[in-house]
Amino acid sequence: MKKLEIKTTEGSYNKYRDMAEKAGISFSRNDKYFGYTKQELLALYIKDNYLNNIPLESFDSMYRVLPHYTRKIITNLAENTCVWKHLLIYEVLGIAPIFVDKG
């Protein structure tokens, strides 16, 4: 099976990877992700590579329970959504980034 890829910029990829690392956020030990199995997430990804088919409320609810120190790193709902989607796409699903800003 061909490895799945997604187009992004290196800056965007690094920004959200670094935010997740600094905040200590990871999915590495979960069986369910926002209520979805890995297979279900893959099906959602195939339909929409940016996982816009996961309700924003799912990501917003995660922001509301972030510790105070984490909210100094992830400062708003938009960043929160991007960080979680980054983790789902690259960490959970293992999608390979294709940097569009690298000629």
PDB file of N, CA and C in Angstrom:
ATOM      1  N   MET A   1       0.831  -1.186   0.000  1.00  0.00           N
ATOM      2  CA  MET A   1       0.000   0.000   0.000  1.00  0.00           C
ATOM      3  C   MET A   1       0.875   1.248   0.000  1.00  0.00           C
ATOM      4  N   LYS A   2       0.527   2.195  -0.829  1.00  0.00           N
ATOM      5  CA  LYS A   2       1.277   3.444  -0.937  1.00  0.00           C
ATOM      6  C   LYS A   2       1.124   4.256   0.350  1.00  0.00           C
ATOM      7  N   LYS A   3       2.236   4.817   0.820  1.00  0.00           N
ATOM      8  CA  LYS A   3       2.207   5.654   2.016  1.00  0.00           C
ATOM      9  C   LYS A   3       1.431   6.931   1.715  1.00  0.00           C
ATOM     10  N   LEU A   4       0.513   7.284   2.612  1.00  0.00           N
ATOM     11  CA  LEU A   4      -0.279   8.497   2.431  1.00  0.00           C
ATOM     12  C   LEU A   4       0.564   9.730   2.722  1.00  0.00           C
ATOM     13  N   GLU A   5       0.306  10.792   1.979  1.00  0.00           N
ATOM     14  CA  GLU A   5       1.049  12.045   2.108  1.00  0.00           C
ATOM     15  C   GLU A   5       0.072  13.205   2.178  1.00  0.00           C
ATOM     16  N   ILE A   6       0.533  14.318   2.753  1.00  0.00           N
ATOM     17  CA  ILE A   6      -0.268  15.533   2.806  1.00  0.00           C
ATOM     18  C   ILE A   6       0.642  16.725   2.541  1.00  0.00           C
ATOM     19  N   LYS A   7       0.143  17.677   1.780  1.00  0.00           N
ATOM     20  CA  LYS A   7       0.909  18.891   1.495  1.00  0.00           C
ATOM     21  C   LYS A   7       0.741  19.880   2.638  1.00  0.00           C
ATOM     22  N   THR A   8       1.852  20.481   3.019  1.00  0.00           N
ATOM     23  CA  THR A   8       1.873  21.499   4.066  1.00  0.00           C
ATOM     24  C   THR A   8       3.136  22.328   3.878  1.00  0.00           C
ATOM     25  N   THR A   9       3.276  23.365   4.680  1.00  0.00           N
ATOM     26  CA  THR A   9       4.538  24.102   4.666  1.00  0.00           C
ATOM     27  C   THR A   9       5.402  23.595   5.815  1.00  0.00           C
ATOM     28  N   GLU A  10       6.688  23.699   5.650  1.00  0.00           N
ATOM     29  CA  GLU A  10       7.588  23.260   6.708  1.00  0.00           C
ATOM     30  C   GLU A  10       7.379  24.098   7.971  1.00  0.00           C
ATOM     31  N   GLY A  11       7.107  25.392   7.779  1.00  0.00           N
ATOM     32  CA  GLY A  11       6.880  26.268   8.928  1.00  0.00           C
ATOM     33  C   GLY A  11       5.660  25.859   9.739  1.00  0.00           C
ATOM     34  N   SER A  12       4.571  25.546   9.052  1.00  0.00           N
ATOM     35  CA  SER A  12       3.353  25.114   9.733  1.00  0.00           C
ATOM     36  C   SER A  12       3.582  23.781  10.449  1.00  0.00           C
ATOM     37  N   TYR A  13       4.190  22.857   9.762  1.00  0.00           N
ATOM     38  CA  TYR A  13       4.476  21.551  10.359  1.00  0.00           C
ATOM     39  C   TYR A  13       5.305  21.705  11.626  1.00  0.00           C
ATOM     40  N   ASN A  14       6.398  22.465  11.537  1.00  0.00           N
ATOM     41  CA  ASN A  14       7.290  22.646  12.683  1.00  0.00           C
ATOM     42  C   ASN A  14       6.605  23.396  13.826  1.00  0.00           C
ATOM     43  N   LYS A  15       5.806  24.405  13.492  1.00  0.00           N
ATOM     44  CA  LYS A  15       5.127  25.198  14.522  1.00  0.00           C
ATOM     45  C   LYS A  15       4.248  24.321  15.408  1.00  0.00           C
ATOM     46  N   TYR A  16       3.392  23.513  14.796  1.00  0.00           N
ATOM     47  CA  TYR A  16       2.453  22.719  15.584  1.00  0.00           C
ATOM     48  C   TYR A  16       3.119  21.506  16.222  1.00  0.00           C
ATOM     49  N   ARG A  17       4.135  20.957  15.592  1.00  0.00           N
ATOM     50  CA  ARG A  17       4.908  19.883  16.217  1.00  0.00           C
ATOM     51  C   ARG A  17       5.589  20.402  17.481  1.00  0.00           C
ATOM     52  N   ASP A  18       6.215  21.584  17.355  1.00  0.00           N
ATOM     53  CA  ASP A  18       6.924  22.162  18.490  1.00  0.00           C
ATOM     54  C   ASP A  18       5.969  22.552  19.618  1.00  0.00           C
ATOM     55  N   MET A  19       4.799  23.098  19.258  1.00  0.00           N
ATOM     56  CA  MET A  19       3.811  23.445  20.286  1.00  0.00           C
ATOM     57  C   MET A  19       3.374  22.202  21.056  1.00  0.00           C
ATOM     58  N   ALA A  20       3.095  21.133  20.345  1.00  0.00           N
ATOM     59  CA  ALA A  20       2.662  19.890  20.991  1.00  0.00           C
ATOM     60  C   ALA A  20       3.754  19.358  21.916  1.00  0.00           C
ATOM     61  N   GLU A  21       4.989  19.369  21.445  1.00  0.00           N
ATOM     62  CA  GLU A  21       6.103  18.887  22.261  1.00  0.00           C
ATOM     63  C   GLU A  21       6.282  19.739  23.501  1.00  0.00           C
ATOM     64  N   LYS A  22       6.271  21.056  23.323  1.00  0.00           N
ATOM     65  CA  LYS A  22       6.462  21.966  24.455  1.00  0.00           C
ATOM     66  C   LYS A  22       5.327  21.834  25.467  1.00  0.00           C
ATOM     67  N   ALA A  23       4.106  21.611  24.979  1.00  0.00           N
ATOM     68  CA  ALA A  23       2.939  21.461  25.856  1.00  0.00           C
ATOM     69  C   ALA A  23       2.855  20.058  26.458  1.00  0.00           C
ATOM     70  N   GLY A  24       3.635  19.125  25.939  1.00  0.00           N
ATOM     71  CA  GLY A  24       3.608  17.761  26.443  1.00  0.00           C
ATOM     72  C   GLY A  24       2.373  16.984  26.013  1.00  0.00           C
ATOM     73  N   ILE A  25       1.831  17.327  24.835  1.00  0.00           N
ATOM     74  CA  ILE A  25       0.628  16.684  24.333  1.00  0.00           C
ATOM     75  C   ILE A  25       1.009  15.598  23.329  1.00  0.00           C
ATOM     76  N   SER A  26       0.422  14.414  23.493  1.00  0.00           N
ATOM     77  CA  SER A  26       0.706  13.294  22.604  1.00  0.00           C
ATOM     78  C   SER A  26      -0.449  12.306  22.646  1.00  0.00           C
ATOM     79  N   PHE A  27      -0.570  11.512  21.611  1.00  0.00           N
ATOM     80  CA  PHE A  27      -1.574  10.452  21.551  1.00  0.00           C
ATOM     81  C   PHE A  27      -0.929   9.072  21.608  1.00  0.00           C
ATOM     82  N   SER A  28       0.333   8.980  21.869  1.00  0.00           N
ATOM     83  CA  SER A  28       1.075   7.746  21.666  1.00  0.00           C
ATOM     84  C   SER A  28       0.524   6.521  22.390  1.00  0.00           C
ATOM     85  N   ARG A  29      -0.264   6.689  23.435  1.00  0.00           N
ATOM     86  CA  ARG A  29      -0.733   5.527  24.189  1.00  0.00           C
ATOM     87  C   ARG A  29      -2.241   5.333  24.135  1.00  0.00           C
ATOM     88  N   ASN A  30      -2.923   5.922  23.209  1.00  0.00           N
ATOM     89  CA  ASN A  30      -4.385   5.830  23.153  1.00  0.00           C
ATOM     90  C   ASN A  30      -4.860   4.781  22.150  1.00  0.00           C
ATOM     91  N   ASP A  31      -6.053   4.265  22.412  1.00  0.00           N
ATOM     92  CA  ASP A  31      -6.728   3.381  21.462  1.00  0.00           C
ATOM     93  C   ASP A  31      -7.838   4.119  20.737  1.00  0.00           C
ATOM     94  N   LYS A  32      -8.335   5.182  21.346  1.00  0.00           N
ATOM     95  CA  LYS A  32      -9.398   6.001  20.754  1.00  0.00           C
ATOM     96  C   LYS A  32      -8.911   7.447  20.725  1.00  0.00           C
ATOM     97  N   TYR A  33      -9.289   8.137  19.674  1.00  0.00           N
ATOM     98  CA  TYR A  33      -8.854   9.506  19.460  1.00  0.00           C
ATOM     99  C   TYR A  33     -10.088  10.340  19.167  1.00  0.00           C
ATOM    100  N   PHE A  34     -10.485  11.175  20.117  1.00  0.00           N
ATOM    101  CA  PHE A  34     -11.719  11.954  19.991  1.00  0.00           C
ATOM    102  C   PHE A  34     -12.906  11.031  19.726  1.00  0.00           C
ATOM    103  N   GLY A  35     -12.852   9.829  20.293  1.00  0.00           N
ATOM    104  CA  GLY A  35     -13.934   8.873  20.143  1.00  0.00           C
ATOM    105  C   GLY A  35     -13.836   7.987  18.907  1.00  0.00           C
ATOM    106  N   TYR A  36     -12.779   8.147  18.113  1.00  0.00           N
ATOM    107  CA  TYR A  36     -12.602   7.369  16.884  1.00  0.00           C
ATOM    108  C   TYR A  36     -11.448   6.388  17.041  1.00  0.00           C
ATOM    109  N   THR A  37     -11.580   5.225  16.431  1.00  0.00           N
ATOM    110  CA  THR A  37     -10.445   4.303  16.357  1.00  0.00           C
ATOM    111  C   THR A  37      -9.503   4.814  15.267  1.00  0.00           C
ATOM    112  N   LYS A  38      -8.326   4.236  15.202  1.00  0.00           N
ATOM    113  CA  LYS A  38      -7.370   4.630  14.165  1.00  0.00           C
ATOM    114  C   LYS A  38      -7.953   4.361  12.774  1.00  0.00           C
ATOM    115  N   GLN A  39      -8.633   3.250  12.602  1.00  0.00           N
ATOM    116  CA  GLN A  39      -9.239   2.921  11.307  1.00  0.00           C
ATOM    117  C   GLN A  39     -10.327   3.930  10.937  1.00  0.00           C
ATOM    118  N   GLU A  40     -11.143   4.319  11.912  1.00  0.00           N
ATOM    119  CA  GLU A  40     -12.181   5.311  11.660  1.00  0.00           C
ATOM    120  C   GLU A  40     -11.564   6.656  11.299  1.00  0.00           C
ATOM    121  N   LEU A  41     -10.477   7.017  11.992  1.00  0.00           N
ATOM    122  CA  LEU A  41      -9.770   8.264  11.668  1.00  0.00           C
ATOM    123  C   LEU A  41      -9.206   8.225  10.251  1.00  0.00           C
ATOM    124  N   LEU A  42      -8.670   7.087   9.871  1.00  0.00           N
ATOM    125  CA  LEU A  42      -8.122   6.954   8.526  1.00  0.00           C
ATOM    126  C   LEU A  42      -9.225   7.158   7.487  1.00  0.00           C
ATOM    127  N   ALA A  43     -10.393   6.602   7.737  1.00  0.00           N
ATOM    128  CA  ALA A  43     -11.527   6.792   6.817  1.00  0.00           C
ATOM    129  C   ALA A  43     -11.923   8.264   6.746  1.00  0.00           C
ATOM    130  N   LEU A  44     -11.923   8.951   7.890  1.00  0.00           N
ATOM    131  CA  LEU A  44     -12.215  10.392   7.901  1.00  0.00           C
ATOM    132  C   LEU A  44     -11.148  11.161   7.136  1.00  0.00           C
ATOM    133  N   TYR A  45      -9.885  10.774   7.321  1.00  0.00           N
ATOM    134  CA  TYR A  45      -8.778  11.437   6.633  1.00  0.00           C
ATOM    135  C   TYR A  45      -8.890  11.268   5.111  1.00  0.00           C
ATOM    136  N   ILE A  46      -9.244  10.090   4.673  1.00  0.00           N
ATOM    137  CA  ILE A  46      -9.365   9.837   3.240  1.00  0.00           C
ATOM    138  C   ILE A  46     -10.468  10.708   2.634  1.00  0.00           C
ATOM    139  N   LYS A  47     -11.535  10.954   3.383  1.00  0.00           N
ATOM    140  CA  LYS A  47     -12.614  11.815   2.907  1.00  0.00           C
ATOM    141  C   LYS A  47     -12.217  13.285   2.923  1.00  0.00           C
ATOM    142  N   ASP A  48     -11.400  13.682   3.918  1.00  0.00           N
ATOM    143  CA  ASP A  48     -10.972  15.079   4.061  1.00  0.00           C
ATOM    144  C   ASP A  48      -9.599  15.093   4.717  1.00  0.00           C
ATOM    145  N   ASN A  49      -8.572  15.378   3.917  1.00  0.00           N
ATOM    146  CA  ASN A  49      -7.192  15.326   4.407  1.00  0.00           C
ATOM    147  C   ASN A  49      -6.888  16.249   5.577  1.00  0.00           C
ATOM    148  N   TYR A  50      -7.755  17.191   5.853  1.00  0.00           N
ATOM    149  CA  TYR A  50      -7.503  18.123   6.957  1.00  0.00           C
ATOM    150  C   TYR A  50      -8.415  17.866   8.147  1.00  0.00           C
ATOM    151  N   LEU A  51      -9.117  16.744   8.117  1.00  0.00           N
ATOM    152  CA  LEU A  51      -9.989  16.302   9.205  1.00  0.00           C
ATOM    153  C   LEU A  51     -11.025  17.346   9.611  1.00  0.00           C
ATOM    154  N   ASN A  52     -11.488  18.111   8.637  1.00  0.00           N
ATOM    155  CA  ASN A  52     -12.544  19.081   8.914  1.00  0.00           C
ATOM    156  C   ASN A  52     -13.879  18.405   9.188  1.00  0.00           C
ATOM    157  N   ASN A  53     -13.931  17.084   9.022  1.00  0.00           N
ATOM    158  CA  ASN A  53     -15.143  16.335   9.307  1.00  0.00           C
ATOM    159  C   ASN A  53     -15.256  15.921  10.779  1.00  0.00           C
ATOM    160  N   ILE A  54     -14.277  16.264  11.590  1.00  0.00           N
ATOM    161  CA  ILE A  54     -14.381  16.090  13.041  1.00  0.00           C
ATOM    162  C   ILE A  54     -14.944  17.400  13.594  1.00  0.00           C
ATOM    163  N   PRO A  55     -16.024  17.339  14.350  1.00  0.00           N
ATOM    164  CA  PRO A  55     -16.646  18.570  14.854  1.00  0.00           C
ATOM    165  C   PRO A  55     -15.671  19.417  15.684  1.00  0.00           C
ATOM    166  N   LEU A  56     -15.707  20.723  15.456  1.00  0.00           N
ATOM    167  CA  LEU A  56     -14.836  21.633  16.212  1.00  0.00           C
ATOM    168  C   LEU A  56     -15.054  21.522  17.714  1.00  0.00           C
ATOM    169  N   GLU A  57     -16.261  21.192  18.122  1.00  0.00           N
ATOM    170  CA  GLU A  57     -16.560  21.050  19.544  1.00  0.00           C
ATOM    171  C   GLU A  57     -15.662  20.001  20.203  1.00  0.00           C
ATOM    172  N   SER A  58     -15.269  18.992  19.430  1.00  0.00           N
ATOM    173  CA  SER A  58     -14.376  17.961  19.967  1.00  0.00           C
ATOM    174  C   SER A  58     -13.025  18.567  20.357  1.00  0.00           C
ATOM    175  N   PHE A  59     -12.504  19.419  19.493  1.00  0.00           N
ATOM    176  CA  PHE A  59     -11.222  20.064  19.776  1.00  0.00           C
ATOM    177  C   PHE A  59     -11.374  21.129  20.863  1.00  0.00           C
ATOM    178  N   ASP A  60     -12.471  21.881  20.803  1.00  0.00           N
ATOM    179  CA  ASP A  60     -12.720  22.934  21.795  1.00  0.00           C
ATOM    180  C   ASP A  60     -12.801  22.356  23.197  1.00  0.00           C
ATOM    181  N   SER A  61     -13.417  21.196  23.337  1.00  0.00           N
ATOM    182  CA  SER A  61     -13.548  20.597  24.668  1.00  0.00           C
ATOM    183  C   SER A  61     -12.181  20.211  25.231  1.00  0.00           C
ATOM    184  N   MET A  62     -11.247  19.857  24.371  1.00  0.00           N
ATOM    185  CA  MET A  62      -9.892  19.540  24.832  1.00  0.00           C
ATOM    186  C   MET A  62      -9.183  20.789  25.343  1.00  0.00           C
ATOM    187  N   TYR A  63      -9.449  21.922  24.702  1.00  0.00           N
ATOM    188  CA  TYR A  63      -8.812  23.171  25.125  1.00  0.00           C
ATOM    189  C   TYR A  63      -9.272  23.574  26.522  1.00  0.00           C
ATOM    190  N   ARG A  64     -10.542  23.345  26.792  1.00  0.00           N
ATOM    191  CA  ARG A  64     -11.113  23.759  28.077  1.00  0.00           C
ATOM    192  C   ARG A  64     -10.494  23.031  29.259  1.00  0.00           C
ATOM    193  N   VAL A  65      -9.932  21.867  29.033  1.00  0.00           N
ATOM    194  CA  VAL A  65      -9.340  21.109  30.143  1.00  0.00           C
ATOM    195  C   VAL A  65      -7.807  21.173  30.171  1.00  0.00           C
ATOM    196  N   LEU A  66      -7.215  21.978  29.287  1.00  0.00           N
ATOM    197  CA  LEU A  66      -5.756  22.125  29.312  1.00  0.00           C
ATOM    198  C   LEU A  66      -5.319  22.831  30.591  1.00  0.00           C
ATOM    199  N   PRO A  67      -4.231  22.373  31.195  1.00  0.00           N
ATOM    200  CA  PRO A  67      -3.703  23.066  32.367  1.00  0.00           C
ATOM    201  C   PRO A  67      -3.277  24.494  32.029  1.00  0.00           C
ATOM    202  N   HIS A  68      -3.236  25.340  33.037  1.00  0.00           N
ATOM    203  CA  HIS A  68      -2.904  26.749  32.856  1.00  0.00           C
ATOM    204  C   HIS A  68      -1.568  26.938  32.131  1.00  0.00           C
ATOM    205  N   TYR A  69      -0.538  26.188  32.530  1.00  0.00           N
ATOM    206  CA  TYR A  69       0.774  26.358  31.891  1.00  0.00           C
ATOM    207  C   TYR A  69       0.726  26.014  30.402  1.00  0.00           C
ATOM    208  N   THR A  70      -0.136  25.076  30.023  1.00  0.00           N
ATOM    209  CA  THR A  70      -0.261  24.700  28.616  1.00  0.00           C
ATOM    210  C   THR A  70      -0.933  25.805  27.822  1.00  0.00           C
ATOM    211  N   ARG A  71      -1.851  26.519  28.456  1.00  0.00           N
ATOM    212  CA  ARG A  71      -2.524  27.623  27.767  1.00  0.00           C
ATOM    213  C   ARG A  71      -1.594  28.801  27.509  1.00  0.00           C
ATOM    214  N   LYS A  72      -0.426  28.790  28.113  1.00  0.00           N
ATOM    215  CA  LYS A  72       0.584  29.800  27.790  1.00  0.00           C
ATOM    216  C   LYS A  72       1.307  29.429  26.501  1.00  0.00           C
ATOM    217  N   ILE A  73       1.218  28.168  26.101  1.00  0.00           N
ATOM    218  CA  ILE A  73       1.844  27.681  24.871  1.00  0.00           C
ATOM    219  C   ILE A  73       0.822  27.659  23.739  1.00  0.00           C
ATOM    220  N   ILE A  74      -0.327  27.077  24.015  1.00  0.00           N
ATOM    221  CA  ILE A  74      -1.435  27.010  23.058  1.00  0.00           C
ATOM    222  C   ILE A  74      -2.450  28.042  23.534  1.00  0.00           C
ATOM    223  N   THR A  75      -2.432  29.212  22.909  1.00  0.00           N
ATOM    224  CA  THR A  75      -3.114  30.368  23.498  1.00  0.00           C
ATOM    225  C   THR A  75      -4.551  30.589  23.046  1.00  0.00           C
ATOM    226  N   ASN A  76      -5.026  29.833  22.049  1.00  0.00           N
ATOM    227  CA  ASN A  76      -6.401  30.059  21.591  1.00  0.00           C
ATOM    228  C   ASN A  76      -6.966  28.793  20.946  1.00  0.00           C
ATOM    229  N   LEU A  77      -8.264  28.823  20.670  1.00  0.00           N
ATOM    230  CA  LEU A  77      -8.944  27.648  20.127  1.00  0.00           C
ATOM    231  C   LEU A  77      -8.421  27.247  18.748  1.00  0.00           C
ATOM    232  N   ALA A  78      -8.051  28.217  17.930  1.00  0.00           N
ATOM    233  CA  ALA A  78      -7.543  27.908  16.589  1.00  0.00           C
ATOM    234  C   ALA A  78      -6.226  27.130  16.673  1.00  0.00           C
ATOM    235  N   GLU A  79      -5.300  27.601  17.497  1.00  0.00           N
ATOM    236  CA  GLU A  79      -4.033  26.888  17.676  1.00  0.00           C
ATOM    237  C   GLU A  79      -4.284  25.501  18.260  1.00  0.00           C
ATOM    238  N   ASN A  80      -5.199  25.421  19.198  1.00  0.00           N
ATOM    239  CA  ASN A  80      -5.543  24.153  19.818  1.00  0.00           C
ATOM    240  C   ASN A  80      -5.997  23.142  18.765  1.00  0.00           C
ATOM    241  N   THR A  81      -6.904  23.562  17.901  1.00  0.00           N
ATOM    242  CA  THR A  81      -7.407  22.683  16.848  1.00  0.00           C
ATOM    243  C   THR A  81      -6.271  22.239  15.931  1.00  0.00           C
ATOM    244  N   CYS A  82      -5.415  23.167  15.554  1.00  0.00           N
ATOM    245  CA  CYS A  82      -4.299  22.833  14.661  1.00  0.00           C
ATOM    246  C   CYS A  82      -3.322  21.852  15.303  1.00  0.00           C
ATOM    247  N   VAL A  83      -3.052  22.023  16.584  1.00  0.00           N
ATOM    248  CA  VAL A  83      -2.137  21.111  17.279  1.00  0.00           C
ATOM    249  C   VAL A  83      -2.717  19.702  17.316  1.00  0.00           C
ATOM    250  N   TRP A  84      -3.981  19.577  17.695  1.00  0.00           N
ATOM    251  CA  TRP A  84      -4.596  18.247  17.779  1.00  0.00           C
ATOM    252  C   TRP A  84      -4.694  17.600  16.402  1.00  0.00           C
ATOM    253  N   LYS A  85      -5.046  18.376  15.378  1.00  0.00           N
ATOM    254  CA  LYS A  85      -5.113  17.811  14.028  1.00  0.00           C
ATOM    255  C   LYS A  85      -3.724  17.376  13.568  1.00  0.00           C
ATOM    256  N   HIS A  86      -2.709  18.170  13.889  1.00  0.00           N
ATOM    257  CA  HIS A  86      -1.328  17.803  13.556  1.00  0.00           C
ATOM    258  C   HIS A  86      -1.000  16.438  14.166  1.00  0.00           C
ATOM    259  N   LEU A  87      -1.316  16.267  15.440  1.00  0.00           N
ATOM    260  CA  LEU A  87      -1.023  15.004  16.112  1.00  0.00           C
ATOM    261  C   LEU A  87      -1.796  13.839  15.494  1.00  0.00           C
ATOM    262  N   LEU A  88      -3.057  14.066  15.183  1.00  0.00           N
ATOM    263  CA  LEU A  88      -3.855  13.002  14.573  1.00  0.00           C
ATOM    264  C   LEU A  88      -3.292  12.592  13.215  1.00  0.00           C
ATOM    265  N   ILE A  89      -2.955  13.575  12.403  1.00  0.00           N
ATOM    266  CA  ILE A  89      -2.478  13.298  11.044  1.00  0.00           C
ATOM    267  C   ILE A  89      -1.084  12.677  11.042  1.00  0.00           C
ATOM    268  N   TYR A  90      -0.154  13.277  11.765  1.00  0.00           N
ATOM    269  CA  TYR A  90       1.239  12.838  11.664  1.00  0.00           C
ATOM    270  C   TYR A  90       1.622  11.777  12.694  1.00  0.00           C
ATOM    271  N   GLU A  91       1.132  11.882  13.923  1.00  0.00           N
ATOM    272  CA  GLU A  91       1.522  10.938  14.972  1.00  0.00           C
ATOM    273  C   GLU A  91       0.658   9.677  14.933  1.00  0.00           C
ATOM    274  N   VAL A  92      -0.651   9.860  14.897  1.00  0.00           N
ATOM    275  CA  VAL A  92      -1.547   8.704  14.958  1.00  0.00           C
ATOM    276  C   VAL A  92      -1.605   7.975  13.616  1.00  0.00           C
ATOM    277  N   LEU A  93      -1.881   8.719  12.549  1.00  0.00           N
ATOM    278  CA  LEU A  93      -2.043   8.093  11.238  1.00  0.00           C
ATOM    279  C   LEU A  93      -0.721   7.881  10.498  1.00  0.00           C
ATOM    280  N   GLY A  94       0.320   8.592  10.901  1.00  0.00           N
ATOM    281  CA  GLY A  94       1.627   8.426  10.266  1.00  0.00           C
ATOM    282  C   GLY A  94       1.695   8.948   8.844  1.00  0.00           C
ATOM    283  N   ILE A  95       0.896   9.971   8.547  1.00  0.00           N
ATOM    284  CA  ILE A  95       0.894  10.567   7.207  1.00  0.00           C
ATOM    285  C   ILE A  95       2.210  11.325   7.006  1.00  0.00           C
ATOM    286  N   ALA A  96       2.786  11.199   5.841  1.00  0.00           N
ATOM    287  CA  ALA A  96       4.058  11.853   5.528  1.00  0.00           C
ATOM    288  C   ALA A  96       3.816  13.273   5.034  1.00  0.00           C
ATOM    289  N   PRO A  97       4.511  14.267   5.627  1.00  0.00           N
ATOM    290  CA  PRO A  97       4.355  15.636   5.129  1.00  0.00           C
ATOM    291  C   PRO A  97       5.132  15.845   3.825  1.00  0.00           C
ATOM    292  N   ILE A  98       4.532  16.548   2.902  1.00  0.00           N
ATOM    293  CA  ILE A  98       5.211  16.986   1.681  1.00  0.00           C
ATOM    294  C   ILE A  98       5.268  18.506   1.762  1.00  0.00           C
ATOM    295  N   PHE A  99       6.455  19.041   1.931  1.00  0.00           N
ATOM    296  CA  PHE A  99       6.603  20.481   2.115  1.00  0.00           C
ATOM    297  C   PHE A  99       6.528  21.203   0.778  1.00  0.00           C
ATOM    298  N   VAL A 100       5.496  22.017   0.637  1.00  0.00           N
ATOM    299  CA  VAL A 100       5.276  22.728  -0.621  1.00  0.00           C
ATOM    300  C   VAL A 100       6.215  23.922  -0.783  1.00  0.00           C
ATOM    301  N   ASP A 101       6.883  24.327   0.285  1.00  0.00           N
ATOM    302  CA  ASP A 101       7.790  25.456   0.211  1.00  0.00           C
ATOM    303  C   ASP A 101       9.248  24.999   0.018  1.00  0.00           C
ATOM    304  N   LYS A 102       9.441  23.753  -0.359  1.00  0.00           N
ATOM    305  CA  LYS A 102      10.786  23.201  -0.575  1.00  0.00           C
ATOM    306  C   LYS A 102      10.969  22.824  -2.036  1.00  0.00           C
ATOM    307  N   GLY A 103      10.899  23.799  -2.919  1.00  0.00           N
ATOM    308  CA  GLY A 103      11.089  23.629  -4.351  1.00  0.00           C
ATOM    309  C   GLY A 103      11.159  22.272  -4.815  1.00  0.00           C
TER     310      GLY A 103
END
